Structure formats: C-alpha cells, structure tokens
PDB file of N, CA and C in Angstrom:
ATOM      1  N   MET A   1       0.816  -1.188   0.000  1.00  0.00           N
ATOM      2  CA  MET A   1       0.000   0.000   0.000  1.00  0.00           C
ATOM      3  C   MET A   1       0.867   1.263   0.000  1.00  0.00           C
ATOM      4  N   ALA A   2       1.953   1.212   0.756  1.00  0.00           N
ATOM      5  CA  ALA A   2       2.844   2.364   0.822  1.00  0.00           C
ATOM      6  C   ALA A   2       3.507   2.617  -0.531  1.00  0.00           C
ATOM      7  N   ARG A   3       3.783   1.533  -1.257  1.00  0.00           N
ATOM      8  CA  ARG A   3       4.409   1.708  -2.562  1.00  0.00           C
ATOM      9  C   ARG A   3       3.458   2.353  -3.554  1.00  0.00           C
ATOM     10  N   GLU A   4       2.195   2.021  -3.510  1.00  0.00           N
ATOM     11  CA  GLU A   4       1.216   2.629  -4.405  1.00  0.00           C
ATOM     12  C   GLU A   4       1.102   4.126  -4.127  1.00  0.00           C
ATOM     13  N   THR A   5       1.101   4.503  -2.896  1.00  0.00           N
ATOM     14  CA  THR A   5       1.035   5.914  -2.540  1.00  0.00           C
ATOM     15  C   THR A   5       2.295   6.627  -3.028  1.00  0.00           C
ATOM     16  N   SER A   6       3.419   5.978  -2.858  1.00  0.00           N
ATOM     17  CA  SER A   6       4.678   6.567  -3.288  1.00  0.00           C
ATOM     18  C   SER A   6       4.689   6.751  -4.806  1.00  0.00           C
ATOM     19  N   ALA A   7       4.228   5.760  -5.542  1.00  0.00           N
ATOM     20  CA  ALA A   7       4.180   5.863  -7.011  1.00  0.00           C
ATOM     21  C   ALA A   7       3.211   6.956  -7.423  1.00  0.00           C
ATOM     22  N   ALA A   8       2.084   7.053  -6.750  1.00  0.00           N
ATOM     23  CA  ALA A   8       1.100   8.094  -7.068  1.00  0.00           C
ATOM     24  C   ALA A   8       1.683   9.477  -6.771  1.00  0.00           C
ATOM     25  N   GLN A   9       2.422   9.565  -5.686  1.00  0.00           N
ATOM     26  CA  GLN A   9       3.042  10.841  -5.340  1.00  0.00           C
ATOM     27  C   GLN A   9       4.089  11.228  -6.380  1.00  0.00           C
ATOM     28  N   ARG A  10       4.847  10.234  -6.864  1.00  0.00           N
ATOM     29  CA  ARG A  10       5.856  10.528  -7.886  1.00  0.00           C
ATOM     30  C   ARG A  10       5.204  11.025  -9.167  1.00  0.00           C
ATOM     31  N   VAL A  11       4.095  10.400  -9.555  1.00  0.00           N
ATOM     32  CA  VAL A  11       3.392  10.829 -10.771  1.00  0.00           C
ATOM     33  C   VAL A  11       2.852  12.238 -10.586  1.00  0.00           C
ATOM     34  N   ALA A  12       2.278  12.510  -9.425  1.00  0.00           N
ATOM     35  CA  ALA A  12       1.736  13.840  -9.150  1.00  0.00           C
ATOM     36  C   ALA A  12       2.852  14.881  -9.122  1.00  0.00           C
ATOM     37  N   THR A  13       3.991  14.531  -8.538  1.00  0.00           N
ATOM     38  CA  THR A  13       5.120  15.458  -8.480  1.00  0.00           C
ATOM     39  C   THR A  13       5.655  15.741  -9.877  1.00  0.00           C
ATOM     40  N   ALA A  14       5.797  14.709 -10.696  1.00  0.00           N
ATOM     41  CA  ALA A  14       6.282  14.899 -12.068  1.00  0.00           C
ATOM     42  C   ALA A  14       5.306  15.758 -12.862  1.00  0.00           C
ATOM     43  N   SER A  15       4.022  15.531 -12.667  1.00  0.00           N
ATOM     44  CA  SER A  15       3.005  16.316 -13.358  1.00  0.00           C
ATOM     45  C   SER A  15       3.049  17.776 -12.913  1.00  0.00           C
ATOM     46  N   ALA A  16       3.235  17.991 -11.614  1.00  0.00           N
ATOM     47  CA  ALA A  16       3.304  19.361 -11.099  1.00  0.00           C
ATOM     48  C   ALA A  16       4.541  20.070 -11.638  1.00  0.00           C
ATOM     49  N   ARG A  17       5.675  19.366 -11.727  1.00  0.00           N
ATOM     50  CA  ARG A  17       6.886  19.977 -12.275  1.00  0.00           C
ATOM     51  C   ARG A  17       6.690  20.367 -13.728  1.00  0.00           C
ATOM     52  N   ARG A  18       6.052  19.487 -14.490  1.00  0.00           N
ATOM     53  CA  ARG A  18       5.812  19.767 -15.908  1.00  0.00           C
ATOM     54  C   ARG A  18       4.900  20.980 -16.054  1.00  0.00           C
ATOM     55  N   ALA A  19       3.843  21.042 -15.236  1.00  0.00           N
ATOM     56  CA  ALA A  19       2.919  22.178 -15.289  1.00  0.00           C
ATOM     57  C   ALA A  19       3.647  23.456 -14.889  1.00  0.00           C
ATOM     58  N   PHE A  20       4.517  23.361 -13.868  1.00  0.00           N
ATOM     59  CA  PHE A  20       5.277  24.531 -13.424  1.00  0.00           C
ATOM     60  C   PHE A  20       6.206  25.021 -14.521  1.00  0.00           C
ATOM     61  N   SER A  21       6.892  24.098 -15.202  1.00  0.00           N
ATOM     62  CA  SER A  21       7.839  24.513 -16.238  1.00  0.00           C
ATOM     63  C   SER A  21       7.116  25.155 -17.426  1.00  0.00           C
ATOM     64  N   PHE A  22       5.956  24.639 -17.800  1.00  0.00           N
ATOM     65  CA  PHE A  22       5.203  25.259 -18.892  1.00  0.00           C
ATOM     66  C   PHE A  22       4.661  26.627 -18.478  1.00  0.00           C
ATOM     67  N   LYS A  23       4.210  26.743 -17.233  1.00  0.00           N
ATOM     68  CA  LYS A  23       3.723  28.033 -16.741  1.00  0.00           C
ATOM     69  C   LYS A  23       4.868  29.037 -16.711  1.00  0.00           C
ATOM     70  N   MET A  24       6.029  28.582 -16.238  1.00  0.00           N
ATOM     71  CA  MET A  24       7.173  29.475 -16.174  1.00  0.00           C
ATOM     72  C   MET A  24       7.588  29.925 -17.574  1.00  0.00           C
ATOM     73  N   LEU A  25       7.586  29.018 -18.527  1.00  0.00           N
ATOM     74  CA  LEU A  25       7.926  29.367 -19.904  1.00  0.00           C
ATOM     75  C   LEU A  25       6.944  30.404 -20.458  1.00  0.00           C
ATOM     76  N   GLY A  26       5.671  30.201 -20.170  1.00  0.00           N
ATOM     77  CA  GLY A  26       4.666  31.172 -20.605  1.00  0.00           C
ATOM     78  C   GLY A  26       4.868  32.528 -19.956  1.00  0.00           C
ATOM     79  N   ASP A  27       5.249  32.528 -18.676  1.00  0.00           N
ATOM     80  CA  ASP A  27       5.515  33.788 -17.977  1.00  0.00           C
ATOM     81  C   ASP A  27       6.715  34.514 -18.575  1.00  0.00           C
ATOM     82  N   VAL A  28       7.738  33.766 -18.953  1.00  0.00           N
ATOM     83  CA  VAL A  28       8.932  34.368 -19.551  1.00  0.00           C
ATOM     84  C   VAL A  28       8.570  35.022 -20.887  1.00  0.00           C
ATOM     85  N   VAL A  29       7.811  34.323 -21.700  1.00  0.00           N
ATOM     86  CA  VAL A  29       7.408  34.871 -23.000  1.00  0.00           C
ATOM     87  C   VAL A  29       6.561  36.123 -22.804  1.00  0.00           C
ATOM     88  N   ALA A  30       5.638  36.085 -21.853  1.00  0.00           N
ATOM     89  CA  ALA A  30       4.790  37.256 -21.584  1.00  0.00           C
ATOM     90  C   ALA A  30       5.636  38.436 -21.114  1.00  0.00           C
ATOM     91  N   GLU A  31       6.621  38.173 -20.272  1.00  0.00           N
ATOM     92  CA  GLU A  31       7.482  39.256 -19.770  1.00  0.00           C
ATOM     93  C   GLU A  31       8.327  39.846 -20.898  1.00  0.00           C
ATOM     94  N   LEU A  32       8.821  39.001 -21.801  1.00  0.00           N
ATOM     95  CA  LEU A  32       9.614  39.500 -22.923  1.00  0.00           C
ATOM     96  C   LEU A  32       8.776  40.358 -23.870  1.00  0.00           C
ATOM     97  N   ARG A  33       7.505  40.100 -23.960  1.00  0.00           N
ATOM     98  CA  ARG A  33       6.638  40.926 -24.815  1.00  0.00           C
ATOM     99  C   ARG A  33       6.416  42.309 -24.222  1.00  0.00           C
ATOM    100  N   ARG A  34       6.521  42.422 -22.879  1.00  0.00           N
ATOM    101  CA  ARG A  34       6.309  43.711 -22.216  1.00  0.00           C
ATOM    102  C   ARG A  34       7.562  44.573 -22.181  1.00  0.00           C
ATOM    103  N   VAL A  35       8.702  44.010 -22.543  1.00  0.00           N
ATOM    104  CA  VAL A  35       9.952  44.759 -22.490  1.00  0.00           C
ATOM    105  C   VAL A  35       9.944  45.852 -23.543  1.00  0.00           C
ATOM    106  N   THR A  36      10.438  47.028 -23.169  1.00  0.00           N
ATOM    107  CA  THR A  36      10.605  48.109 -24.129  1.00  0.00           C
ATOM    108  C   THR A  36      11.999  47.978 -24.713  1.00  0.00           C
ATOM    109  N   TRP A  37      12.080  47.474 -25.928  1.00  0.00           N
ATOM    110  CA  TRP A  37      13.365  47.229 -26.564  1.00  0.00           C
ATOM    111  C   TRP A  37      13.902  48.523 -27.157  1.00  0.00           C
ATOM    112  N   PRO A  38      15.219  48.754 -27.091  1.00  0.00           N
ATOM    113  CA  PRO A  38      15.787  49.975 -27.678  1.00  0.00           C
ATOM    114  C   PRO A  38      15.727  49.913 -29.206  1.00  0.00           C
ATOM    115  N   SER A  39      15.733  51.095 -29.799  1.00  0.00           N
ATOM    116  CA  SER A  39      15.726  51.145 -31.263  1.00  0.00           C
ATOM    117  C   SER A  39      17.092  50.722 -31.790  1.00  0.00           C
ATOM    118  N   ARG A  40      17.164  50.457 -33.071  1.00  0.00           N
ATOM    119  CA  ARG A  40      18.435  50.042 -33.684  1.00  0.00           C
ATOM    120  C   ARG A  40      19.472  51.152 -33.549  1.00  0.00           C
ATOM    121  N   GLU A  41      19.046  52.398 -33.742  1.00  0.00           N
ATOM    122  CA  GLU A  41      19.967  53.531 -33.645  1.00  0.00           C
ATOM    123  C   GLU A  41      20.510  53.671 -32.227  1.00  0.00           C
ATOM    124  N   GLU A  42      19.628  53.536 -31.240  1.00  0.00           N
ATOM    125  CA  GLU A  42      20.057  53.644 -29.855  1.00  0.00           C
ATOM    126  C   GLU A  42      21.024  52.512 -29.492  1.00  0.00           C
ATOM    127  N   THR A  43      20.739  51.318 -29.973  1.00  0.00           N
ATOM    128  CA  THR A  43      21.613  50.181 -29.712  1.00  0.00           C
ATOM    129  C   THR A  43      22.991  50.409 -30.326  1.00  0.00           C
ATOM    130  N   MET A  44      23.036  50.903 -31.555  1.00  0.00           N
ATOM    131  CA  MET A  44      24.317  51.167 -32.218  1.00  0.00           C
ATOM    132  C   MET A  44      25.085  52.266 -31.477  1.00  0.00           C
ATOM    133  N   ARG A  45      24.393  53.331 -31.075  1.00  0.00           N
ATOM    134  CA  ARG A  45      25.038  54.442 -30.384  1.00  0.00           C
ATOM    135  C   ARG A  45      25.626  53.985 -29.048  1.00  0.00           C
ATOM    136  N   LEU A  46      24.857  53.228 -28.276  1.00  0.00           N
ATOM    137  CA  LEU A  46      25.334  52.762 -26.976  1.00  0.00           C
ATOM    138  C   LEU A  46      26.455  51.729 -27.114  1.00  0.00           C
ATOM    139  N   THR A  47      26.371  50.890 -28.146  1.00  0.00           N
ATOM    140  CA  THR A  47      27.446  49.921 -28.390  1.00  0.00           C
ATOM    141  C   THR A  47      28.742  50.641 -28.735  1.00  0.00           C
ATOM    142  N   LEU A  48      28.646  51.646 -29.584  1.00  0.00           N
ATOM    143  CA  LEU A  48      29.830  52.431 -29.948  1.00  0.00           C
ATOM    144  C   LEU A  48      30.412  53.124 -28.723  1.00  0.00           C
ATOM    145  N   MET A  49      29.542  53.654 -27.858  1.00  0.00           N
ATOM    146  CA  MET A  49      30.007  54.319 -26.648  1.00  0.00           C
ATOM    147  C   MET A  49      30.751  53.332 -25.733  1.00  0.00           C
ATOM    148  N   VAL A  50      30.214  52.141 -25.575  1.00  0.00           N
ATOM    149  CA  VAL A  50      30.863  51.123 -24.738  1.00  0.00           C
ATOM    150  C   VAL A  50      32.223  50.748 -25.319  1.00  0.00           C
ATOM    151  N   LEU A  51      32.303  50.573 -26.633  1.00  0.00           N
ATOM    152  CA  LEU A  51      33.574  50.232 -27.273  1.00  0.00           C
ATOM    153  C   LEU A  51      34.610  51.347 -27.107  1.00  0.00           C
ATOM    154  N   MET A  52      34.171  52.603 -27.243  1.00  0.00           N
ATOM    155  CA  MET A  52      35.095  53.724 -27.098  1.00  0.00           C
ATOM    156  C   MET A  52      35.601  53.836 -25.664  1.00  0.00           C
ATOM    157  N   VAL A  53      34.716  53.725 -24.691  1.00  0.00           N
ATOM    158  CA  VAL A  53      35.132  53.814 -23.283  1.00  0.00           C
ATOM    159  C   VAL A  53      36.047  52.646 -22.934  1.00  0.00           C
ATOM    160  N   SER A  54      35.723  51.452 -23.401  1.00  0.00           N
ATOM    161  CA  SER A  54      36.561  50.283 -23.130  1.00  0.00           C
ATOM    162  C   SER A  54      37.945  50.451 -23.738  1.00  0.00           C
ATOM    163  N   THR A  55      38.016  50.976 -24.945  1.00  0.00           N
ATOM    164  CA  THR A  55      39.300  51.215 -25.604  1.00  0.00           C
ATOM    165  C   THR A  55      40.105  52.267 -24.851  1.00  0.00           C
ATOM    166  N   ALA A  56      39.452  53.342 -24.438  1.00  0.00           N
ATOM    167  CA  ALA A  56      40.144  54.402 -23.708  1.00  0.00           C
ATOM    168  C   ALA A  56      40.699  53.874 -22.383  1.00  0.00           C
ATOM    169  N   ILE A  57      39.919  53.104 -21.666  1.00  0.00           N
ATOM    170  CA  ILE A  57      40.384  52.532 -20.401  1.00  0.00           C
ATOM    171  C   ILE A  57      41.527  51.551 -20.654  1.00  0.00           C
ATOM    172  N   GLY A  58      41.418  50.754 -21.705  1.00  0.00           N
ATOM    173  CA  GLY A  58      42.481  49.816 -22.044  1.00  0.00           C
ATOM    174  C   GLY A  58      43.791  50.518 -22.372  1.00  0.00           C
ATOM    175  N   VAL A  59      43.716  51.595 -23.156  1.00  0.00           N
ATOM    176  CA  VAL A  59      44.920  52.359 -23.506  1.00  0.00           C
ATOM    177  C   VAL A  59      45.507  52.986 -22.249  1.00  0.00           C
ATOM    178  N   PHE A  60      44.665  53.584 -21.411  1.00  0.00           N
ATOM    179  CA  PHE A  60      45.137  54.198 -20.168  1.00  0.00           C
ATOM    180  C   PHE A  60      45.844  53.176 -19.280  1.00  0.00           C
ATOM    181  N   LEU A  61      45.206  52.030 -19.062  1.00  0.00           N
ATOM    182  CA  LEU A  61      45.815  51.005 -18.208  1.00  0.00           C
ATOM    183  C   LEU A  61      47.093  50.444 -18.833  1.00  0.00           C
ATOM    184  N   GLY A  62      47.135  50.341 -20.162  1.00  0.00           N
ATOM    185  CA  GLY A  62      48.347  49.896 -20.836  1.00  0.00           C
ATOM    186  C   GLY A  62      49.494  50.864 -20.627  1.00  0.00           C
ATOM    187  N   LEU A  63      49.210  52.182 -20.721  1.00  0.00           N
ATOM    188  CA  LEU A  63      50.234  53.187 -20.487  1.00  0.00           C
ATOM    189  C   LEU A  63      50.708  53.176 -19.035  1.00  0.00           C
ATOM    190  N   VAL A  64      49.784  53.010 -18.108  1.00  0.00           N
ATOM    191  CA  VAL A  64      50.160  52.915 -16.697  1.00  0.00           C
ATOM    192  C   VAL A  64      51.047  51.692 -16.480  1.00  0.00           C
ATOM    193  N   ASP A  65      50.722  50.589 -17.107  1.00  0.00           N
ATOM    194  CA  ASP A  65      51.516  49.365 -16.980  1.00  0.00           C
ATOM    195  C   ASP A  65      52.924  49.564 -17.536  1.00  0.00           C
ATOM    196  N   VAL A  66      53.030  50.179 -18.701  1.00  0.00           N
ATOM    197  CA  VAL A  66      54.345  50.440 -19.295  1.00  0.00           C
ATOM    198  C   VAL A  66      55.141  51.383 -18.389  1.00  0.00           C
ATOM    199  N   GLY A  67      54.485  52.413 -17.849  1.00  0.00           N
ATOM    200  CA  GLY A  67      55.156  53.344 -16.944  1.00  0.00           C
ATOM    201  C   GLY A  67      55.687  52.641 -15.704  1.00  0.00           C
ATOM    202  N   PHE A  68      54.855  51.791 -15.082  1.00  0.00           N
ATOM    203  CA  PHE A  68      55.316  51.059 -13.903  1.00  0.00           C
ATOM    204  C   PHE A  68      56.449  50.097 -14.261  1.00  0.00           C
ATOM    205  N   ALA A  69      56.359  49.448 -15.405  1.00  0.00           N
ATOM    206  CA  ALA A  69      57.413  48.521 -15.812  1.00  0.00           C
ATOM    207  C   ALA A  69      58.739  49.257 -15.975  1.00  0.00           C
ATOM    208  N   ARG A  70      58.721  50.419 -16.629  1.00  0.00           N
ATOM    209  CA  ARG A  70      59.955  51.201 -16.800  1.00  0.00           C
ATOM    210  C   ARG A  70      60.480  51.699 -15.454  1.00  0.00           C
ATOM    211  N   PHE A  71      59.568  52.163 -14.601  1.00  0.00           N
ATOM    212  CA  PHE A  71      59.961  52.658 -13.283  1.00  0.00           C
ATOM    213  C   PHE A  71      60.654  51.565 -12.477  1.00  0.00           C
ATOM    214  N   PHE A  72      60.092  50.368 -12.454  1.00  0.00           N
ATOM    215  CA  PHE A  72      60.676  49.289 -11.668  1.00  0.00           C
ATOM    216  C   PHE A  72      61.970  48.755 -12.317  1.00  0.00           C
ATOM    217  N   ASN A  73      62.066  48.830 -13.635  1.00  0.00           N
ATOM    218  CA  ASN A  73      63.322  48.472 -14.297  1.00  0.00           C
ATOM    219  C   ASN A  73      64.431  49.429 -13.909  1.00  0.00           C
ATOM    220  N   ILE A  74      64.113  50.727 -13.816  1.00  0.00           N
ATOM    221  CA  ILE A  74      65.096  51.725 -13.402  1.00  0.00           C
ATOM    222  C   ILE A  74      65.523  51.455 -11.967  1.00  0.00           C
ATOM    223  N   LEU A  75      64.563  51.159 -11.097  1.00  0.00           N
ATOM    224  CA  LEU A  75      64.889  50.843  -9.694  1.00  0.00           C
ATOM    225  C   LEU A  75      65.731  49.585  -9.581  1.00  0.00           C
ATOM    226  N   GLN A  76      65.455  48.610 -10.406  1.00  0.00           N
ATOM    227  CA  GLN A  76      66.162  47.331 -10.343  1.00  0.00           C
ATOM    228  C   GLN A  76      67.624  47.496 -10.806  1.00  0.00           C
ATOM    229  N   GLU A  77      67.878  48.379 -11.772  1.00  0.00           N
ATOM    230  CA  GLU A  77      69.219  48.596 -12.274  1.00  0.00           C
ATOM    231  C   GLU A  77      70.109  49.264 -11.230  1.00  0.00           C
ATOM    232  N   ASN A  78      69.551  50.091 -10.384  1.00  0.00           N
ATOM    233  CA  ASN A  78      70.342  50.822  -9.377  1.00  0.00           C
ATOM    234  C   ASN A  78      70.617  50.010  -8.184  1.00  0.00           C
TER     235      ASN A  78
END
C-alpha cells in the first residue's frame, strides 16, 4: 500500500513539475513581450560608446603598466 502511494506521489510530483515549467515558460514569453526594446539607432550608439570607453580605459591602463614597468626596471638597475 505504501508503494502505491509513493508511485502516485511521484506521478503527481512529475506532473506538477511539468505544469510549473510550462507556466514558467509562458511567464517568460509574456514578460519578454512587455519589455521596451531599444531602437536600432540607440543600440548602435550605446554599443559604440561602450567600445570607445573600453578602448580608452584599455589604452590608459596599458600606459600605466608600461610606466610602472619602466619605473621598476630603473629601480632594479640601481
């Protein structure tokens, strides 16, 4: 008798998980439809801005690294 209850519980649990996953998928799709997506122009402008800032930071950090390397080489020689 205990095994029948256990099997029934497993079937009910599997069914509940399946229902939950389909409900969750439906909720995700509904939420994505409500999102205000940026325009193509705005996306391009912001992407360009991110690339420019990233490049500027990279160049700055590269120059700082070269400066520290030269400074420590000078200290090491003395």
